[in-house]
Every structure is written in structure tokens, then in C-alpha cells.
N, C-alpha and C. Protein backbone atom coordinates (compact mmCIF):
# COMPACT_ATOMS: atom_id res chain seq x y z
N MET A 1 215.51 92.26 29.30
CA MET A 1 215.42 91.81 30.91
C MET A 1 213.96 91.86 31.16
N ILE A 2 213.67 93.36 30.89
CA ILE A 2 212.37 94.48 31.47
C ILE A 2 211.31 93.52 31.00
N LYS A 3 211.21 93.19 29.60
CA LYS A 3 210.28 92.46 29.24
C LYS A 3 209.86 91.23 29.54
N MET A 4 210.96 90.17 30.25
CA MET A 4 210.50 88.80 30.57
C MET A 4 209.96 89.64 31.82
N LYS A 5 210.62 90.16 32.75
CA LYS A 5 210.05 90.35 33.95
C LYS A 5 208.81 90.51 33.89
N HIS A 6 208.23 91.56 33.29
CA HIS A 6 206.56 92.07 33.20
C HIS A 6 205.85 90.99 32.61
N ILE A 7 206.46 89.88 31.84
CA ILE A 7 205.54 88.81 31.14
C ILE A 7 205.90 87.69 31.95
N HIS A 8 206.79 87.78 33.09
CA HIS A 8 206.45 86.71 34.49
C HIS A 8 205.24 87.46 35.31
N LYS A 9 205.22 88.98 35.47
CA LYS A 9 204.04 88.96 36.34
C LYS A 9 202.90 88.63 35.82
N ARG A 10 202.73 89.14 34.29
CA ARG A 10 201.56 88.59 33.73
C ARG A 10 200.95 87.30 33.76
N THR A 11 202.20 86.54 33.50
CA THR A 11 201.73 85.04 33.41
C THR A 11 201.32 84.79 35.30
N GLY A 12 202.00 85.19 35.74
CA GLY A 12 201.55 84.78 37.53
C GLY A 12 200.43 85.19 37.41
N ARG A 13 200.20 86.56 37.30
CA ARG A 13 198.62 87.06 37.96
C ARG A 13 197.61 86.27 36.85
N PHE A 14 197.85 85.88 35.81
CA PHE A 14 196.89 85.21 34.87
C PHE A 14 196.92 84.16 35.50
N LEU A 15 197.63 83.17 36.09
CA LEU A 15 197.70 81.60 36.70
C LEU A 15 196.81 81.83 38.09
N LYS A 16 197.15 83.08 38.50
CA LYS A 16 196.20 83.24 39.84
C LYS A 16 194.85 83.31 39.65
N VAL A 17 194.19 84.20 38.73
CA VAL A 17 193.26 84.68 38.35
C VAL A 17 192.61 82.99 37.76
N VAL A 18 193.11 82.38 36.95
CA VAL A 18 192.74 81.06 36.78
C VAL A 18 192.46 80.02 37.70
N VAL A 19 193.47 80.13 38.47
CA VAL A 19 193.45 78.65 39.60
C VAL A 19 192.23 79.24 40.46
N LEU A 20 192.13 80.56 40.92
CA LEU A 20 191.05 81.45 41.49
C LEU A 20 189.58 80.85 40.91
N ALA A 21 189.31 81.16 39.51
CA ALA A 21 188.31 81.00 39.27
C ALA A 21 187.65 79.27 38.97
N LEU A 22 188.67 78.45 38.70
CA LEU A 22 188.48 77.32 38.89
C LEU A 22 188.00 76.60 40.38
N GLY A 23 188.80 77.24 40.88
CA GLY A 23 188.35 76.90 42.64
C GLY A 23 187.20 77.12 42.68
N MET A 24 186.43 78.44 42.54
CA MET A 24 185.07 78.99 42.56
C MET A 24 184.08 78.21 41.83
N VAL A 25 184.77 77.92 40.39
CA VAL A 25 183.69 76.79 39.99
C VAL A 25 183.36 75.62 40.26
N SER A 26 185.09 74.91 40.90
CA SER A 26 184.68 73.30 41.52
C SER A 26 183.79 73.64 42.65
N MET A 27 183.79 74.60 43.53
CA MET A 27 182.89 74.97 45.22
C MET A 27 181.78 75.43 44.47
N GLY A 28 181.53 76.15 43.74
CA GLY A 28 179.86 76.42 43.14
C GLY A 28 178.89 75.12 42.76
N CYS A 29 179.90 74.36 41.97
CA CYS A 29 179.12 73.32 41.23
C CYS A 29 178.79 72.09 42.09
N LYS A 30 179.56 72.34 43.59
CA LYS A 30 179.11 71.20 44.53
C LYS A 30 177.76 71.27 45.09
N GLU A 31 176.91 70.20 45.44
CA GLU A 31 175.67 70.13 45.62
C GLU A 31 175.91 70.11 47.18
N ASP A 32 175.02 70.54 47.98
CA ASP A 32 174.93 70.42 49.53
C ASP A 32 174.85 68.67 49.74
N THR A 33 175.43 67.92 50.42
CA THR A 33 175.68 66.68 51.01
C THR A 33 173.84 66.71 52.21
N LEU A 34 173.00 65.71 51.80
CA LEU A 34 171.82 66.02 52.48
C LEU A 34 172.05 64.69 52.95
N PRO A 35 171.34 64.28 54.01
CA PRO A 35 171.12 62.91 54.43
C PRO A 35 169.81 62.46 53.75
N LYS A 36 169.88 60.81 53.58
CA LYS A 36 169.17 60.19 53.19
C LYS A 36 168.02 59.93 54.33
N PRO A 37 166.54 60.17 53.59
CA PRO A 37 165.46 59.98 54.39
C PRO A 37 165.32 58.72 55.15
N LYS A 38 165.02 58.57 55.98
CA LYS A 38 164.63 57.11 56.95
C LYS A 38 163.73 56.35 56.05
N GLY A 39 163.55 55.25 56.10
CA GLY A 39 162.96 54.47 55.24
C GLY A 39 161.70 53.52 55.99
N GLN A 40 160.53 53.70 55.39
CA GLN A 40 159.69 53.07 56.37
C GLN A 40 159.27 51.44 55.93
N LEU A 41 159.18 50.95 56.46
CA LEU A 41 158.72 49.52 56.13
C LEU A 41 157.65 49.48 55.67
N ARG A 42 156.93 48.56 54.41
CA ARG A 42 155.53 48.30 54.31
C ARG A 42 155.38 46.95 54.81
N LEU A 43 154.67 47.09 55.71
CA LEU A 43 154.10 45.89 56.36
C LEU A 43 152.76 45.39 56.06
N GLU A 44 152.68 44.39 55.61
CA GLU A 44 150.98 44.02 55.14
C GLU A 44 150.68 42.59 55.78
N TYR A 45 149.78 42.59 56.04
CA TYR A 45 148.64 41.50 56.64
C TYR A 45 148.32 40.77 55.73
N PRO A 46 148.30 39.54 55.81
CA PRO A 46 147.45 38.68 55.06
C PRO A 46 145.70 39.17 56.01
N LYS A 47 144.77 38.68 54.36
CA LYS A 47 143.07 38.90 54.80
C LYS A 47 143.06 38.00 55.73
N PRO A 48 142.09 38.08 56.82
CA PRO A 48 141.63 37.56 58.11
C PRO A 48 140.83 36.00 57.54
N THR A 49 141.27 35.07 58.03
CA THR A 49 140.45 34.01 57.82
C THR A 49 139.89 33.87 59.15
N LEU A 50 138.49 33.37 59.02
CA LEU A 50 137.82 33.77 60.44
C LEU A 50 137.30 32.19 61.01
N THR A 51 137.53 32.20 62.43
CA THR A 51 136.88 30.80 63.21
C THR A 51 135.82 31.34 64.09
N GLU A 52 135.25 30.51 64.38
CA GLU A 52 134.22 30.45 65.30
C GLU A 52 134.81 30.06 66.93
N LEU A 53 134.17 31.06 67.70
CA LEU A 53 134.93 30.70 69.08
C LEU A 53 133.07 30.78 70.18
N HIS A 54 133.01 29.97 70.82
CA HIS A 54 131.50 29.68 71.82
C HIS A 54 132.19 29.54 73.26
N PHE A 55 131.42 30.86 74.14
CA PHE A 55 131.61 30.68 75.49
C PHE A 55 130.05 30.53 75.94
N ASP A 56 129.82 30.23 77.07
CA ASP A 56 128.59 29.90 77.73
C ASP A 56 127.36 30.92 77.25
N LYS A 57 128.06 32.12 77.35
CA LYS A 57 126.74 33.16 76.98
C LYS A 57 126.79 33.70 75.19
N PHE A 58 127.92 33.67 74.63
CA PHE A 58 127.99 33.93 74.19
C PHE A 58 128.84 33.60 72.79
N GLY A 59 129.23 34.32 71.53
CA GLY A 59 130.23 33.59 70.82
C GLY A 59 130.30 34.62 69.65
N PHE A 60 131.31 34.41 69.03
CA PHE A 60 131.81 35.12 67.81
C PHE A 60 132.98 34.49 67.09
N GLN A 61 133.07 35.33 66.03
CA GLN A 61 134.08 34.98 64.88
C GLN A 61 135.47 35.92 65.51
N TYR A 62 136.43 35.44 65.12
CA TYR A 62 137.79 35.70 65.25
C TYR A 62 138.81 35.33 64.28
N ASN A 63 139.61 36.38 64.14
CA ASN A 63 140.81 36.04 63.17
C ASN A 63 141.63 34.82 63.09
N SER A 64 142.14 34.08 62.58
CA SER A 64 142.45 32.86 62.64
C SER A 64 144.25 32.60 62.98
N LEU A 65 144.78 34.27 62.75
CA LEU A 65 146.30 34.52 62.59
C LEU A 65 146.34 34.68 64.34
N ALA A 66 145.00 34.93 65.19
CA ALA A 66 145.26 34.62 66.61
C ALA A 66 145.37 33.55 67.44
N ARG A 67 146.20 33.65 68.39
CA ARG A 67 145.96 32.56 69.15
C ARG A 67 145.44 32.84 70.59
N ILE A 68 144.78 31.99 71.12
CA ILE A 68 143.67 32.07 72.38
C ILE A 68 144.54 31.50 73.50
N LYS A 69 144.43 32.67 74.44
CA LYS A 69 145.14 32.41 76.04
C LYS A 69 144.78 32.67 77.01
N ASN A 70 145.19 32.41 77.78
CA ASN A 70 144.28 32.48 79.39
C ASN A 70 142.72 32.54 78.95
N GLU A 71 142.37 31.58 78.59
CA GLU A 71 140.91 31.56 78.33
C GLU A 71 139.88 31.24 79.91
N SER A 72 139.07 31.64 80.19
CA SER A 72 138.13 30.97 81.20
C SER A 72 137.02 31.12 80.98
N ALA A 73 135.51 31.18 81.69
CA ALA A 73 134.38 31.20 81.63
C ALA A 73 133.97 32.84 81.29
N ASN A 74 134.94 33.57 81.83
CA ASN A 74 134.63 35.44 81.76
C ASN A 74 135.56 36.01 81.09
N SER A 75 136.37 35.12 80.51
CA SER A 75 137.52 35.80 79.79
C SER A 75 138.73 35.54 79.31
N MET A 76 139.41 36.37 78.31
CA MET A 76 139.95 35.28 77.30
C MET A 76 141.05 36.66 76.49
N VAL A 77 142.52 36.16 76.24
CA VAL A 77 142.90 36.76 75.34
C VAL A 77 143.60 36.40 73.82
N LEU A 78 143.15 37.02 73.09
CA LEU A 78 143.69 37.01 71.64
C LEU A 78 145.08 37.42 71.27
N GLU A 79 145.82 36.49 71.04
CA GLU A 79 147.39 36.89 71.06
C GLU A 79 147.90 37.05 69.52
N TYR A 80 148.43 38.06 68.99
CA TYR A 80 148.81 37.98 67.86
C TYR A 80 150.58 38.20 67.92
N PRO A 81 151.05 36.93 67.85
CA PRO A 81 152.69 37.15 67.86
C PRO A 81 153.43 37.84 66.70
N GLU A 82 152.76 37.88 65.76
CA GLU A 82 153.33 38.70 64.77
C GLU A 82 153.78 40.20 64.95
N MET A 83 152.66 40.43 65.37
CA MET A 83 152.55 42.13 65.60
C MET A 83 152.63 42.62 67.21
N LYS A 84 152.88 41.54 67.70
CA LYS A 84 153.43 41.86 69.23
C LYS A 84 151.79 42.56 69.63
N GLY A 85 151.09 41.72 69.40
CA GLY A 85 149.18 42.65 69.91
C GLY A 85 148.69 41.76 71.00
N GLU A 86 147.93 42.39 71.47
CA GLU A 86 146.75 41.06 72.33
C GLU A 86 145.51 42.17 72.27
N ILE A 87 144.20 40.84 72.09
CA ILE A 87 143.20 41.58 72.52
C ILE A 87 142.29 40.85 73.35
N PHE A 88 142.38 41.90 74.68
CA PHE A 88 141.76 41.38 76.22
C PHE A 88 140.19 41.34 75.53
N ILE A 89 139.55 40.67 76.47
CA ILE A 89 137.69 40.20 76.07
C ILE A 89 137.48 39.69 77.64
N ASN A 90 136.34 40.35 78.33
CA ASN A 90 136.16 39.94 79.14
C ASN A 90 134.35 40.24 79.34
N TYR A 91 133.68 39.13 80.02
CA TYR A 91 132.25 39.38 79.78
C TYR A 91 132.29 39.41 81.51
N LYS A 92 130.92 40.33 81.34
CA LYS A 92 130.20 40.64 82.87
C LYS A 92 128.81 40.32 82.89
N LYS A 93 128.09 39.74 83.72
CA LYS A 93 126.37 39.46 84.15
C LYS A 93 125.94 40.95 84.37
N VAL A 94 124.93 41.33 83.30
CA VAL A 94 124.31 42.59 83.90
C VAL A 94 123.13 42.02 84.91
N GLU A 95 123.58 42.52 86.09
CA GLU A 95 122.53 42.45 86.84
C GLU A 95 121.82 43.73 87.80
N GLY A 96 121.08 44.64 87.16
CA GLY A 96 120.62 45.69 87.63
C GLY A 96 122.14 46.81 87.31
N ASN A 97 122.94 46.69 86.93
CA ASN A 97 123.67 47.58 87.05
C ASN A 97 124.57 47.70 85.55
N LEU A 98 123.46 47.70 84.99
CA LEU A 98 124.46 48.06 83.62
C LEU A 98 124.73 49.51 83.47
N GLU A 99 123.81 50.41 84.10
CA GLU A 99 124.83 52.14 84.27
C GLU A 99 125.92 51.82 84.68
N GLN A 100 126.47 50.85 85.41
CA GLN A 100 127.74 51.14 86.20
C GLN A 100 128.32 50.48 85.58
N LEU A 101 128.33 49.47 84.23
CA LEU A 101 129.10 49.24 83.55
C LEU A 101 129.26 49.46 82.45
N LEU A 102 128.35 50.38 81.95
CA LEU A 102 128.34 51.20 81.28
C LEU A 102 129.76 52.50 81.26
N SER A 103 129.14 52.87 82.58
CA SER A 103 130.28 54.13 83.13
C SER A 103 131.81 53.62 83.42
N ASP A 104 131.59 52.54 83.51
CA ASP A 104 133.44 51.77 83.92
C ASP A 104 133.75 51.71 82.49
N ALA A 105 133.32 51.13 81.48
CA ALA A 105 133.63 51.13 80.00
C ALA A 105 134.09 52.24 79.68
N GLN A 106 133.17 53.42 79.83
CA GLN A 106 133.46 54.47 79.12
C GLN A 106 134.93 55.28 79.77
N LYS A 107 134.94 55.15 81.20
CA LYS A 107 136.02 55.71 82.34
C LYS A 107 137.25 55.07 81.60
N PHE A 108 137.08 54.09 81.25
CA PHE A 108 138.53 52.89 80.84
C PHE A 108 138.80 53.50 79.70
N SER A 109 138.01 53.61 78.68
CA SER A 109 138.16 54.47 76.85
C SER A 109 139.02 55.88 77.57
N TYR A 110 138.47 56.37 78.14
CA TYR A 110 138.93 57.74 78.22
C TYR A 110 140.20 58.08 79.47
N GLU A 111 140.58 57.09 79.92
CA GLU A 111 141.65 57.01 80.68
C GLU A 111 143.20 57.12 79.88
N HIS A 112 142.85 56.95 78.75
CA HIS A 112 144.09 56.66 78.03
C HIS A 112 143.87 58.22 76.95
N SER A 113 142.86 59.24 77.67
CA SER A 113 143.39 60.48 76.50
C SER A 113 144.15 61.33 76.84
N VAL A 114 144.86 60.93 78.15
CA VAL A 114 146.23 61.99 78.62
C VAL A 114 147.20 61.82 77.52
N LYS A 115 147.37 60.38 77.06
CA LYS A 115 148.48 60.03 75.87
C LYS A 115 147.79 60.33 74.41
N ALA A 116 146.59 60.40 74.28
CA ALA A 116 146.22 60.17 73.19
C ALA A 116 145.95 61.38 72.37
N ASP A 117 146.39 61.53 71.09
CA ASP A 117 146.21 63.02 70.07
C ASP A 117 144.63 62.62 70.44
N GLY A 118 144.07 61.63 70.11
CA GLY A 118 142.47 61.91 69.76
C GLY A 118 141.59 60.64 70.15
N ILE A 119 140.13 60.58 70.57
CA ILE A 119 139.46 59.19 70.61
C ILE A 119 138.43 59.47 69.83
N LEU A 120 138.09 58.63 69.09
CA LEU A 120 136.79 58.39 68.26
C LEU A 120 135.94 57.65 68.30
N GLU A 121 134.23 58.28 68.85
CA GLU A 121 133.78 57.00 69.39
C GLU A 121 132.78 56.88 67.85
N GLN A 122 132.78 55.46 68.17
CA GLN A 122 132.11 55.13 66.76
C GLN A 122 130.66 54.19 67.03
N PRO A 123 129.23 54.37 67.26
CA PRO A 123 128.63 53.61 68.38
C PRO A 123 128.36 52.41 66.94
N PHE A 124 128.01 51.06 67.79
CA PHE A 124 127.26 50.12 67.39
C PHE A 124 125.83 49.57 67.23
N VAL A 125 125.50 49.31 66.46
CA VAL A 125 124.08 48.85 66.37
C VAL A 125 123.65 47.50 65.87
N ASN A 126 122.97 46.59 66.18
CA ASN A 126 122.92 45.43 65.45
C ASN A 126 121.41 44.89 66.17
N ASP A 127 120.79 45.23 65.81
CA ASP A 127 119.19 45.18 66.24
C ASP A 127 118.62 43.79 66.11
N GLU A 128 118.96 43.16 65.01
CA GLU A 128 118.56 41.93 64.85
C GLU A 128 119.20 40.72 65.98
N ASP A 129 120.45 40.90 66.27
CA ASP A 129 120.89 40.14 67.51
C ASP A 129 120.99 40.60 68.36
N ARG A 130 120.49 41.73 68.82
CA ARG A 130 120.52 42.65 70.17
C ARG A 130 121.90 42.62 70.64
N VAL A 131 122.73 43.60 69.82
CA VAL A 131 123.79 43.67 69.96
C VAL A 131 124.08 45.00 69.92
N TYR A 132 124.07 45.91 71.14
CA TYR A 132 124.69 46.99 70.76
C TYR A 132 125.50 47.79 71.75
N GLY A 133 126.60 48.83 71.37
CA GLY A 133 127.98 48.88 72.10
C GLY A 133 128.33 50.18 71.60
N MET A 134 129.61 50.30 71.69
CA MET A 134 130.48 51.42 71.49
C MET A 134 131.98 50.91 70.81
N PHE A 135 132.32 51.52 69.95
CA PHE A 135 133.81 50.95 69.34
C PHE A 135 134.85 52.40 69.85
N TYR A 136 135.93 52.47 70.16
CA TYR A 136 136.30 53.61 70.63
C TYR A 136 137.91 53.25 69.67
N GLU A 137 138.35 54.26 68.75
CA GLU A 137 139.42 54.36 68.00
C GLU A 137 140.32 55.23 68.82
N VAL A 138 141.16 55.00 68.90
CA VAL A 138 142.42 55.70 69.92
C VAL A 138 143.67 56.31 69.15
N SER A 139 144.21 57.44 68.87
CA SER A 139 145.28 57.35 67.57
C SER A 139 146.37 58.46 68.69
N GLY A 140 147.75 58.17 68.60
CA GLY A 140 148.55 58.90 69.47
C GLY A 140 149.77 57.64 70.50
N ASP A 141 150.07 58.08 70.90
CA ASP A 141 151.04 57.30 71.51
C ASP A 141 149.98 56.28 73.07
N ALA A 142 148.98 56.42 73.23
CA ALA A 142 148.51 55.87 74.11
C ALA A 142 148.75 54.64 74.04
N ALA A 143 148.32 53.86 75.48
CA ALA A 143 148.93 52.30 75.83
C ALA A 143 147.98 51.19 75.34
N SER A 144 146.60 51.80 74.76
CA SER A 144 145.60 50.61 74.20
C SER A 144 145.50 51.65 73.01
N GLN A 145 145.12 51.07 71.66
CA GLN A 145 144.67 52.07 70.45
C GLN A 145 143.43 51.38 70.45
N ALA A 146 142.50 50.83 70.88
CA ALA A 146 141.32 50.63 70.57
C ALA A 146 140.62 49.75 71.87
N GLN A 147 139.25 50.21 72.03
CA GLN A 147 138.32 49.62 72.94
C GLN A 147 137.13 49.56 72.45
N PHE A 148 136.25 48.39 73.25
CA PHE A 148 134.96 48.33 72.83
C PHE A 148 134.21 47.60 73.86
N TYR A 149 132.70 47.88 73.95
CA TYR A 149 132.12 47.74 74.55
C TYR A 149 130.94 46.69 73.72
N VAL A 150 129.76 45.88 74.06
CA VAL A 150 128.85 45.45 73.46
C VAL A 150 127.99 45.16 74.30
N THR A 151 126.47 45.18 74.79
CA THR A 151 125.72 44.79 75.40
C THR A 151 124.35 44.39 74.64
N ASP A 152 123.33 43.27 75.44
CA ASP A 152 121.91 43.35 75.26
C ASP A 152 120.98 44.20 76.11
N SER A 153 121.74 44.82 76.73
CA SER A 153 120.96 45.64 77.80
C SER A 153 120.34 45.05 78.78
N ILE A 154 119.89 43.69 78.93
CA ILE A 154 119.59 42.88 80.07
C ILE A 154 120.07 42.38 80.85
N ARG A 155 121.22 41.31 80.30
CA ARG A 155 121.63 40.33 80.87
C ARG A 155 122.91 40.14 80.57
N ASN A 156 124.04 40.58 79.28
CA ASN A 156 125.26 40.33 79.06
C ASN A 156 125.48 41.72 78.79
N PHE A 157 127.34 41.62 79.06
CA PHE A 157 128.12 43.03 78.96
C PHE A 157 129.72 42.30 78.66
N VAL A 158 130.12 42.61 77.17
CA VAL A 158 131.36 42.00 76.72
C VAL A 158 132.07 43.92 76.98
N THR A 159 133.29 43.54 77.17
CA THR A 159 134.39 44.71 77.05
C THR A 159 135.47 44.10 76.15
N GLY A 160 136.36 44.84 75.53
CA GLY A 160 137.91 44.19 75.13
C GLY A 160 138.35 45.70 74.79
N SER A 161 140.10 45.29 74.49
CA SER A 161 140.74 45.93 74.49
C SER A 161 142.18 45.65 73.90
N LEU A 162 142.56 46.53 72.98
CA LEU A 162 143.84 46.39 72.43
C LEU A 162 145.09 46.58 72.92
N TYR A 163 146.04 45.77 73.19
CA TYR A 163 147.39 46.75 73.92
C TYR A 163 148.50 45.79 72.87
N PHE A 164 149.69 46.42 72.76
CA PHE A 164 150.74 46.32 72.04
C PHE A 164 151.87 46.00 73.37
N TYR A 165 152.90 45.09 73.24
CA TYR A 165 153.84 44.43 74.04
C TYR A 165 154.94 45.69 74.30
N THR A 166 155.02 46.64 73.08
CA THR A 166 155.99 47.27 72.83
C THR A 166 155.56 48.99 73.61
N LYS A 167 156.58 49.47 73.98
CA LYS A 167 155.90 51.01 74.32
C LYS A 167 155.42 51.77 73.12
N PRO A 168 154.59 52.35 73.46
CA PRO A 168 153.62 52.91 72.46
C PRO A 168 154.38 53.64 71.73
N ASN A 169 154.40 53.82 70.41
CA ASN A 169 154.96 54.98 69.32
C ASN A 169 154.06 54.53 68.38
N TYR A 170 152.99 55.71 68.17
CA TYR A 170 151.56 55.45 67.12
C TYR A 170 152.33 55.09 65.56
N ASP A 171 153.39 55.94 65.21
CA ASP A 171 153.91 55.66 63.83
C ASP A 171 154.44 54.48 63.84
N SER A 172 154.95 53.55 64.78
CA SER A 172 155.46 52.18 64.50
C SER A 172 154.38 51.36 64.30
N ILE A 173 153.65 51.48 65.50
CA ILE A 173 152.52 50.43 65.24
C ILE A 173 151.37 50.61 64.75
N TYR A 174 150.88 51.92 64.18
CA TYR A 174 150.09 52.18 63.13
C TYR A 174 149.46 50.70 62.10
N PRO A 175 150.47 50.36 61.03
CA PRO A 175 149.55 49.21 60.65
C PRO A 175 149.10 48.38 61.43
N ALA A 176 149.93 47.70 62.51
CA ALA A 176 149.12 46.80 63.27
C ALA A 176 148.09 47.23 63.94
N ALA A 177 147.87 48.36 64.52
CA ALA A 177 146.83 49.14 65.27
C ALA A 177 145.60 48.73 64.25
N ALA A 178 145.63 49.30 62.74
CA ALA A 178 144.78 49.70 62.13
C ALA A 178 144.12 48.22 61.70
N TYR A 179 144.96 46.69 61.52
CA TYR A 179 144.66 45.85 60.98
C TYR A 179 143.81 45.14 62.18
N LEU A 180 144.05 45.28 63.47
CA LEU A 180 143.53 44.77 64.43
C LEU A 180 142.55 45.59 65.07
N ARG A 181 142.50 46.72 64.84
CA ARG A 181 141.00 47.12 64.77
C ARG A 181 139.83 46.93 64.00
N ASN A 182 140.34 46.39 62.89
CA ASN A 182 139.28 45.60 61.74
C ASN A 182 138.73 44.26 62.71
N ASP A 183 139.65 43.90 62.90
CA ASP A 183 139.63 42.33 63.47
C ASP A 183 138.73 42.74 64.75
N ILE A 184 138.93 43.73 65.64
CA ILE A 184 137.78 43.98 66.77
C ILE A 184 136.26 44.33 66.33
N ARG A 185 136.39 44.92 65.32
CA ARG A 185 135.15 45.73 64.46
C ARG A 185 134.80 43.96 63.84
N GLY A 186 135.28 43.07 63.80
CA GLY A 186 134.98 41.90 63.14
C GLY A 186 134.25 40.99 64.15
N ILE A 187 134.95 41.12 65.54
CA ILE A 187 134.22 40.33 66.74
C ILE A 187 133.21 41.07 67.01
N MET A 188 132.59 42.82 66.98
CA MET A 188 131.13 42.86 67.40
C MET A 188 130.20 42.74 66.52
N GLU A 189 130.78 42.65 65.27
CA GLU A 189 129.80 42.24 64.23
C GLU A 189 129.27 40.83 64.19
N THR A 190 130.39 39.99 64.42
CA THR A 190 129.77 38.68 64.47
C THR A 190 129.22 38.43 65.82
N LEU A 191 129.37 38.83 66.90
CA LEU A 191 128.95 38.51 68.32
C LEU A 191 127.29 38.28 68.33
N LYS A 192 127.31 37.23 68.69
CA LYS A 192 125.80 36.51 68.96
C LYS A 192 125.59 35.96 70.86
N TRP A 193 124.54 36.79 71.39
CA TRP A 193 124.27 36.52 72.68
C TRP A 193 123.76 34.23 72.58
N LYS A 194 123.79 34.03 73.63
CA LYS A 194 123.51 32.76 73.77
C LYS A 194 122.02 32.63 74.69
N GLU A 195 121.02 32.02 74.56
CA GLU A 195 120.02 32.60 75.23
C GLU A 195 119.97 31.22 76.71
């Protein structure tokens, strides 16, 4: 009987050790559960098809995806419903006030610097058509992601700015902002004054 008790104790200890070892192995083999990373939508927009637009004093080509709204003799809006964005374009006549017009356009662009991570200035010169100006690319959560002005330095001055309908979140609007910045550059590159 003494031997049986001794065997029971040994077997009990052995079972405890086996259970403990199996528990440690099963816990040690488990990988930590990690949350899945957030997926990003891949937004692709079609290659622009350009359309001519003419005003009394100037004309340019624009992306046919845009709808023209609020058009008058001195202003218009190019609306991009799919991207929930708009490009506002305004014309002003130069009447000895070129310095003031330039100052106002530059000041307007830098009003967004409070929320912007950065503003990149890109001069624009088209000597052949007498179109001179500046393109402002804004990065960060600013209200407007791009602005521009162009002038012939004598008679005409045009400004433009890009806005989205939503609260600015640079990461979310970046694909649309990049696409529309290219449209703005296209407007600047194709703009011609009428004599």
C-alpha cells in the first residue's frame, strides 16, 4: 500500500507538470492580436478632356468634367461634383492698380498659412501670350488647396482658388486636390487675352 500511495503522488505530480507545461506552451505559441490597418481607397480620375471657354477679355481650356455655374462677365465657378470641389475664377481690369491687385492676391494666398503645413510658390511666365503669374500650392488642412493669379501687366488680372465642400482633411482630399491642381495649371497654360 505504501508503494501505491507513492505511485499516486508521483503520477499526480507528473500530471501537474504535464498540464503546466502544456499550458505554458499553448500560451507561448499564441501571437498577439493586432488590429487590421485602415484601408485606403484608391481614387483614380479620368484623363482630362479639354473644352474651350471664352469671356469678353480672355479665354482658356478647362476639364470637361467640370460644370460651369454662377457665370457672369467677371467671374465663374468650375464645379467638380464627383470630387466635391470648385475652382473660383475672377477677372479684374487693371486701371493703374496692378500693385494693389498683386498685393491682394498674395495676401489672400497667405491667409491660409495658419492651417497650412506649407505653401509652395511657382512662378508662371508665358511671354508669347503675355501671361504672367503665380501658382500657390498649399499643403495641410487649409481651406483652399491652391490659388493662382495671372496678368498681362497692363489691362487684365485673373485670380483663381480651389475649395472643397468638406472640412479640410489633407489626407482625405489629397487625390482630388492633386488632380484639380493640374486642372488649374492647365487653365493658366492655355489662358489667352483678347485685345
